[in-house]
Amino acid sequence: MPGVTAEELRARLALWPAPREISFGKHVAAAVLVGLEPGRGVWLTRRDARLPTHAGQVSFPGGKVEAGDGSVDAAALREAAEEIGLDRRDAEVLGRMDDFVTGSGFHIAPVVALLRPGVRYVAAPAEVAEVFCLPFDVLMDAAAPQRRRAVWAGGERGFWVWFHGDHVIWGATAKILVDLARRLRGE
């Protein structure tokens, strides 16, 4: 899969069922951009350590859906432009993955897009400490994500963790990566 082309990604993603969408309810509506660069991998960020929420964590570019966005796709693209300097013309939205709600009160809509190869991304200094790519060979390795358990909010919870270089990827981002890898493998 490391040398996967845009056409192969489009074909694999076209086979996915329609995303499971859920009502936003009382949760904070958020959208993230799951940006796939053909031949390379999926783009992620490490949030700035000074942020009030999720400080220092690895995440997809994204954030709250704002009233003027018009759609979760538009929100994900706007956030990616703000956080990593993505030019919307360099992204081809292919669809969405299943919505889900986090334990921290966010309702996340993952938007999948093909990104033009070779674009250089720049971290927004106030929000993002680093922009990096998780290679397809790591993403597609079924043994890469590990299942862990921890006590949180009064109960024991299971969650996924990925290790890549100096990065520990966990929480919502790890869950989205696990779902993405399974779908790309046809599971």
C-alpha atoms as a PDB file:
ATOM      1  CA  MET A   1       0.000   0.000   0.000  1.00  0.00           C
ATOM      2  CA  PRO A   2       2.892   2.495   0.384  1.00  0.00           C
ATOM      3  CA  GLY A   3       2.844   3.260  -3.349  1.00  0.00           C
ATOM      4  CA  VAL A   4      -0.952   3.522  -3.507  1.00  0.00           C
ATOM      5  CA  THR A   5      -2.219   5.907  -6.152  1.00  0.00           C
ATOM      6  CA  ALA A   6      -5.060   8.408  -6.013  1.00  0.00           C
ATOM      7  CA  GLU A   7      -7.098   6.150  -8.311  1.00  0.00           C
ATOM      8  CA  GLU A   8      -6.635   3.164  -5.973  1.00  0.00           C
ATOM      9  CA  LEU A   9      -7.683   5.252  -2.974  1.00  0.00           C
ATOM     10  CA  ARG A  10     -10.757   6.558  -4.806  1.00  0.00           C
ATOM     11  CA  ALA A  11     -11.712   2.994  -5.792  1.00  0.00           C
ATOM     12  CA  ARG A  12     -11.283   1.655  -2.241  1.00  0.00           C
ATOM     13  CA  LEU A  13     -13.196   4.549  -0.702  1.00  0.00           C
ATOM     14  CA  ALA A  14     -16.043   4.249  -3.241  1.00  0.00           C
ATOM     15  CA  LEU A  15     -16.822   0.801  -1.816  1.00  0.00           C
ATOM     16  CA  TRP A  16     -17.442   2.150   1.698  1.00  0.00           C
ATOM     17  CA  PRO A  17     -21.021   2.190   2.936  1.00  0.00           C
ATOM     18  CA  ALA A  18     -22.687   5.520   3.633  1.00  0.00           C
ATOM     19  CA  PRO A  19     -21.412   6.982   6.905  1.00  0.00           C
ATOM     20  CA  ARG A  20     -23.393   6.469  10.081  1.00  0.00           C
ATOM     21  CA  GLU A  21     -24.427   9.955  11.091  1.00  0.00           C
ATOM     22  CA  ILE A  22     -25.768  10.697  14.542  1.00  0.00           C
ATOM     23  CA  SER A  23     -27.528  13.704  16.012  1.00  0.00           C
ATOM     24  CA  PHE A  24     -25.193  16.288  17.516  1.00  0.00           C
ATOM     25  CA  GLY A  25     -27.437  16.517  20.585  1.00  0.00           C
ATOM     26  CA  LYS A  26     -25.749  18.182  23.553  1.00  0.00           C
ATOM     27  CA  HIS A  27     -22.238  17.472  22.271  1.00  0.00           C
ATOM     28  CA  VAL A  28     -19.933  19.981  20.588  1.00  0.00           C
ATOM     29  CA  ALA A  29     -20.104  19.551  16.808  1.00  0.00           C
ATOM     30  CA  ALA A  30     -16.618  19.060  15.344  1.00  0.00           C
ATOM     31  CA  ALA A  31     -15.139  18.040  12.016  1.00  0.00           C
ATOM     32  CA  VAL A  32     -11.681  16.694  11.222  1.00  0.00           C
ATOM     33  CA  LEU A  33      -9.898  16.313   7.908  1.00  0.00           C
ATOM     34  CA  VAL A  34      -8.548  12.806   7.294  1.00  0.00           C
ATOM     35  CA  GLY A  35      -6.131  13.888   4.575  1.00  0.00           C
ATOM     36  CA  LEU A  36      -4.646  11.080   2.481  1.00  0.00           C
ATOM     37  CA  GLU A  37      -1.655  11.818   0.282  1.00  0.00           C
ATOM     38  CA  PRO A  38      -1.326   9.178  -2.463  1.00  0.00           C
ATOM     39  CA  GLY A  39       1.932   7.256  -2.229  1.00  0.00           C
ATOM     40  CA  ARG A  40       2.669   8.649   1.198  1.00  0.00           C
ATOM     41  CA  GLY A  41       0.115   8.370   4.008  1.00  0.00           C
ATOM     42  CA  VAL A  42      -2.279  10.292   6.253  1.00  0.00           C
ATOM     43  CA  TRP A  43      -1.475  13.767   7.599  1.00  0.00           C
ATOM     44  CA  LEU A  44      -1.657  14.504  11.328  1.00  0.00           C
ATOM     45  CA  THR A  45      -0.766  17.312  13.699  1.00  0.00           C
ATOM     46  CA  ARG A  46       0.579  17.538  17.217  1.00  0.00           C
ATOM     47  CA  ARG A  47      -1.339  20.216  19.075  1.00  0.00           C
ATOM     48  CA  ASP A  48       0.518  23.004  20.843  1.00  0.00           C
ATOM     49  CA  ALA A  49       1.234  22.229  24.517  1.00  0.00           C
ATOM     50  CA  ARG A  50      -0.280  25.565  25.609  1.00  0.00           C
ATOM     51  CA  LEU A  51      -3.788  24.908  24.283  1.00  0.00           C
ATOM     52  CA  PRO A  52      -6.589  24.719  26.859  1.00  0.00           C
ATOM     53  CA  THR A  53      -7.925  21.374  25.567  1.00  0.00           C
ATOM     54  CA  HIS A  54      -6.116  18.307  24.220  1.00  0.00           C
ATOM     55  CA  ALA A  55      -2.765  20.074  24.649  1.00  0.00           C
ATOM     56  CA  GLY A  56       0.183  18.254  23.066  1.00  0.00           C
ATOM     57  CA  GLN A  57      -1.972  15.483  21.641  1.00  0.00           C
ATOM     58  CA  VAL A  58      -1.755  14.112  18.115  1.00  0.00           C
ATOM     59  CA  SER A  59      -4.856  14.927  16.091  1.00  0.00           C
ATOM     60  CA  PHE A  60      -6.216  15.426  12.628  1.00  0.00           C
ATOM     61  CA  PRO A  61      -6.558  19.021  11.492  1.00  0.00           C
ATOM     62  CA  GLY A  62     -10.012  20.045  12.661  1.00  0.00           C
ATOM     63  CA  GLY A  63     -12.159  21.658  15.271  1.00  0.00           C
ATOM     64  CA  LYS A  64     -15.579  23.006  16.090  1.00  0.00           C
ATOM     65  CA  VAL A  65     -18.169  23.400  13.339  1.00  0.00           C
ATOM     66  CA  GLU A  66     -19.040  27.091  13.165  1.00  0.00           C
ATOM     67  CA  ALA A  67     -22.402  28.546  12.138  1.00  0.00           C
ATOM     68  CA  GLY A  68     -20.982  30.003   8.912  1.00  0.00           C
ATOM     69  CA  ASP A  69     -19.398  26.753   7.723  1.00  0.00           C
ATOM     70  CA  GLY A  70     -22.493  25.406   5.996  1.00  0.00           C
ATOM     71  CA  SER A  71     -21.383  21.768   6.290  1.00  0.00           C
ATOM     72  CA  VAL A  72     -18.998  19.518   8.170  1.00  0.00           C
ATOM     73  CA  ASP A  73     -16.926  19.184   4.970  1.00  0.00           C
ATOM     74  CA  ALA A  74     -16.511  22.970   4.840  1.00  0.00           C
ATOM     75  CA  ALA A  75     -15.641  23.056   8.563  1.00  0.00           C
ATOM     76  CA  ALA A  76     -12.932  20.397   8.149  1.00  0.00           C
ATOM     77  CA  LEU A  77     -11.411  22.240   5.174  1.00  0.00           C
ATOM     78  CA  ARG A  78     -11.545  25.605   6.979  1.00  0.00           C
ATOM     79  CA  GLU A  79      -9.846  24.153  10.054  1.00  0.00           C
ATOM     80  CA  ALA A  80      -7.147  22.478   7.907  1.00  0.00           C
ATOM     81  CA  ALA A  81      -6.508  25.808   6.171  1.00  0.00           C
ATOM     82  CA  GLU A  82      -6.168  27.539   9.553  1.00  0.00           C
ATOM     83  CA  GLU A  83      -4.045  24.861  11.241  1.00  0.00           C
ATOM     84  CA  ILE A  84      -1.702  23.616   8.499  1.00  0.00           C
ATOM     85  CA  GLY A  85      -2.133  26.064   5.628  1.00  0.00           C
ATOM     86  CA  LEU A  86      -4.013  23.639   3.362  1.00  0.00           C
ATOM     87  CA  ASP A  87      -5.233  25.341   0.198  1.00  0.00           C
ATOM     88  CA  ARG A  88      -8.745  23.987  -0.446  1.00  0.00           C
ATOM     89  CA  ARG A  89      -7.825  23.533  -4.111  1.00  0.00           C
ATOM     90  CA  ASP A  90      -5.276  20.907  -2.978  1.00  0.00           C
ATOM     91  CA  ALA A  91      -7.970  18.727  -1.358  1.00  0.00           C
ATOM     92  CA  GLU A  92     -10.553  16.498  -3.048  1.00  0.00           C
ATOM     93  CA  VAL A  93     -13.242  15.525  -0.543  1.00  0.00           C
ATOM     94  CA  LEU A  94     -14.141  11.873  -1.106  1.00  0.00           C
ATOM     95  CA  GLY A  95     -16.670  11.361   1.658  1.00  0.00           C
ATOM     96  CA  ARG A  96     -17.069  10.760   5.341  1.00  0.00           C
ATOM     97  CA  MET A  97     -16.424   8.087   7.893  1.00  0.00           C
ATOM     98  CA  ASP A  98     -18.885   7.251  10.666  1.00  0.00           C
ATOM     99  CA  ASP A  99     -19.605  10.024  13.148  1.00  0.00           C
ATOM    100  CA  PHE A 100     -18.863   9.312  16.784  1.00  0.00           C
ATOM    101  CA  VAL A 101     -18.972  10.971  20.181  1.00  0.00           C
ATOM    102  CA  THR A 102     -15.913  11.259  22.427  1.00  0.00           C
ATOM    103  CA  GLY A 103     -15.814  10.938  26.184  1.00  0.00           C
ATOM    104  CA  SER A 104     -14.786  14.592  26.347  1.00  0.00           C
ATOM    105  CA  GLY A 105     -18.088  15.746  24.830  1.00  0.00           C
ATOM    106  CA  PHE A 106     -17.243  16.217  21.147  1.00  0.00           C
ATOM    107  CA  HIS A 107     -19.279  14.831  18.253  1.00  0.00           C
ATOM    108  CA  ILE A 108     -16.740  14.263  15.491  1.00  0.00           C
ATOM    109  CA  ALA A 109     -17.472  13.993  11.774  1.00  0.00           C
ATOM    110  CA  PRO A 110     -14.341  12.645  10.003  1.00  0.00           C
ATOM    111  CA  VAL A 111     -14.104  14.006   6.436  1.00  0.00           C
ATOM    112  CA  VAL A 112     -11.862  11.993   4.091  1.00  0.00           C
ATOM    113  CA  ALA A 113      -9.989  13.845   1.353  1.00  0.00           C
ATOM    114  CA  LEU A 114      -7.239  13.153  -1.144  1.00  0.00           C
ATOM    115  CA  LEU A 115      -4.453  15.697  -0.857  1.00  0.00           C
ATOM    116  CA  ARG A 116      -2.320  16.820  -3.755  1.00  0.00           C
ATOM    117  CA  PRO A 117       1.101  15.122  -3.492  1.00  0.00           C
ATOM    118  CA  GLY A 118       4.130  17.161  -2.570  1.00  0.00           C
ATOM    119  CA  VAL A 119       2.380  20.043  -0.817  1.00  0.00           C
ATOM    120  CA  ARG A 120       4.310  21.430   2.119  1.00  0.00           C
ATOM    121  CA  TYR A 121       2.203  22.162   5.201  1.00  0.00           C
ATOM    122  CA  VAL A 122       3.010  24.842   7.757  1.00  0.00           C
ATOM    123  CA  ALA A 123       1.916  24.592  11.387  1.00  0.00           C
ATOM    124  CA  ALA A 124      -0.107  27.517  12.741  1.00  0.00           C
ATOM    125  CA  PRO A 125       2.104  28.633  15.659  1.00  0.00           C
ATOM    126  CA  ALA A 126      -0.730  29.308  18.127  1.00  0.00           C
ATOM    127  CA  GLU A 127      -2.388  25.919  17.603  1.00  0.00           C
ATOM    128  CA  VAL A 128      -0.070  23.334  16.080  1.00  0.00           C
ATOM    129  CA  ALA A 129       3.406  22.324  17.229  1.00  0.00           C
ATOM    130  CA  GLU A 130       4.075  19.926  14.346  1.00  0.00           C
ATOM    131  CA  VAL A 131       2.618  18.582  11.109  1.00  0.00           C
ATOM    132  CA  PHE A 132       3.640  15.052  10.108  1.00  0.00           C
ATOM    133  CA  CYS A 133       2.619  12.164   7.883  1.00  0.00           C
ATOM    134  CA  LEU A 134       1.830   8.650   9.143  1.00  0.00           C
ATOM    135  CA  PRO A 135       3.003   6.421   6.265  1.00  0.00           C
ATOM    136  CA  PHE A 136       0.576   3.980   4.661  1.00  0.00           C
ATOM    137  CA  ASP A 137       2.801   1.015   5.598  1.00  0.00           C
ATOM    138  CA  VAL A 138       2.363   1.911   9.294  1.00  0.00           C
ATOM    139  CA  LEU A 139      -1.345   2.656   8.889  1.00  0.00           C
ATOM    140  CA  MET A 140      -1.987  -0.655   7.123  1.00  0.00           C
ATOM    141  CA  ASP A 141      -0.021  -2.779   9.624  1.00  0.00           C
ATOM    142  CA  ALA A 142      -2.778  -4.564  11.577  1.00  0.00           C
ATOM    143  CA  ALA A 143      -0.326  -5.095  14.470  1.00  0.00           C
ATOM    144  CA  ALA A 144       0.565  -1.388  14.798  1.00  0.00           C
ATOM    145  CA  PRO A 145      -2.372  -0.215  16.931  1.00  0.00           C
ATOM    146  CA  GLN A 146      -2.483  -1.584  20.451  1.00  0.00           C
ATOM    147  CA  ARG A 147      -5.516  -1.896  22.691  1.00  0.00           C
ATOM    148  CA  ARG A 148      -5.056  -0.384  26.165  1.00  0.00           C
ATOM    149  CA  ARG A 149      -7.232   0.105  29.251  1.00  0.00           C
ATOM    150  CA  ALA A 150      -7.257   2.907  31.823  1.00  0.00           C
ATOM    151  CA  VAL A 151      -9.493   4.291  34.540  1.00  0.00           C
ATOM    152  CA  TRP A 152     -11.184   7.508  33.443  1.00  0.00           C
ATOM    153  CA  ALA A 153     -14.265   9.364  34.718  1.00  0.00           C
ATOM    154  CA  GLY A 154     -14.945   6.722  37.345  1.00  0.00           C
ATOM    155  CA  GLY A 155     -14.755   3.671  35.128  1.00  0.00           C
ATOM    156  CA  GLU A 156     -12.359   1.513  33.185  1.00  0.00           C
ATOM    157  CA  ARG A 157     -12.225   2.326  29.463  1.00  0.00           C
ATOM    158  CA  GLY A 158     -10.605   0.647  26.490  1.00  0.00           C
ATOM    159  CA  PHE A 159      -8.856   2.705  23.841  1.00  0.00           C
ATOM    160  CA  TRP A 160      -6.460   2.394  20.897  1.00  0.00           C
ATOM    161  CA  VAL A 161      -2.846   3.578  20.893  1.00  0.00           C
ATOM    162  CA  TRP A 162      -0.441   3.896  17.940  1.00  0.00           C
ATOM    163  CA  PHE A 163       3.283   4.515  18.365  1.00  0.00           C
ATOM    164  CA  HIS A 164       5.119   6.220  15.516  1.00  0.00           C
ATOM    165  CA  GLY A 165       8.570   7.671  16.080  1.00  0.00           C
ATOM    166  CA  ASP A 166       8.285  10.182  18.910  1.00  0.00           C
ATOM    167  CA  HIS A 167       4.503  10.262  18.612  1.00  0.00           C
ATOM    168  CA  VAL A 168       1.942   8.495  20.768  1.00  0.00           C
ATOM    169  CA  ILE A 169      -1.408   8.592  19.009  1.00  0.00           C
ATOM    170  CA  TRP A 170      -4.434   7.769  21.151  1.00  0.00           C
ATOM    171  CA  GLY A 171      -8.042   8.754  21.789  1.00  0.00           C
ATOM    172  CA  ALA A 172     -10.318   9.853  18.958  1.00  0.00           C
ATOM    173  CA  THR A 173      -7.436  10.136  16.487  1.00  0.00           C
ATOM    174  CA  ALA A 174      -6.317   6.549  17.112  1.00  0.00           C
ATOM    175  CA  LYS A 175      -9.924   5.323  16.766  1.00  0.00           C
ATOM    176  CA  ILE A 176     -10.322   7.091  13.425  1.00  0.00           C
ATOM    177  CA  LEU A 177      -6.996   5.627  12.226  1.00  0.00           C
ATOM    178  CA  VAL A 178      -8.076   2.099  13.228  1.00  0.00           C
ATOM    179  CA  ASP A 179     -11.385   2.521  11.375  1.00  0.00           C
ATOM    180  CA  LEU A 180      -9.613   4.006   8.335  1.00  0.00           C
ATOM    181  CA  ALA A 181      -7.065   1.173   8.178  1.00  0.00           C
ATOM    182  CA  ARG A 182      -9.785  -1.465   8.451  1.00  0.00           C
ATOM    183  CA  ARG A 183     -11.770   0.133   5.681  1.00  0.00           C
ATOM    184  CA  LEU A 184      -8.745   0.491   3.416  1.00  0.00           C
ATOM    185  CA  ARG A 185      -7.920  -3.196   4.016  1.00  0.00           C
ATOM    186  CA  GLY A 186     -11.521  -4.087   3.056  1.00  0.00           C
ATOM    187  CA  GLU A 187     -12.484  -5.400   6.496  1.00  0.00           C
END
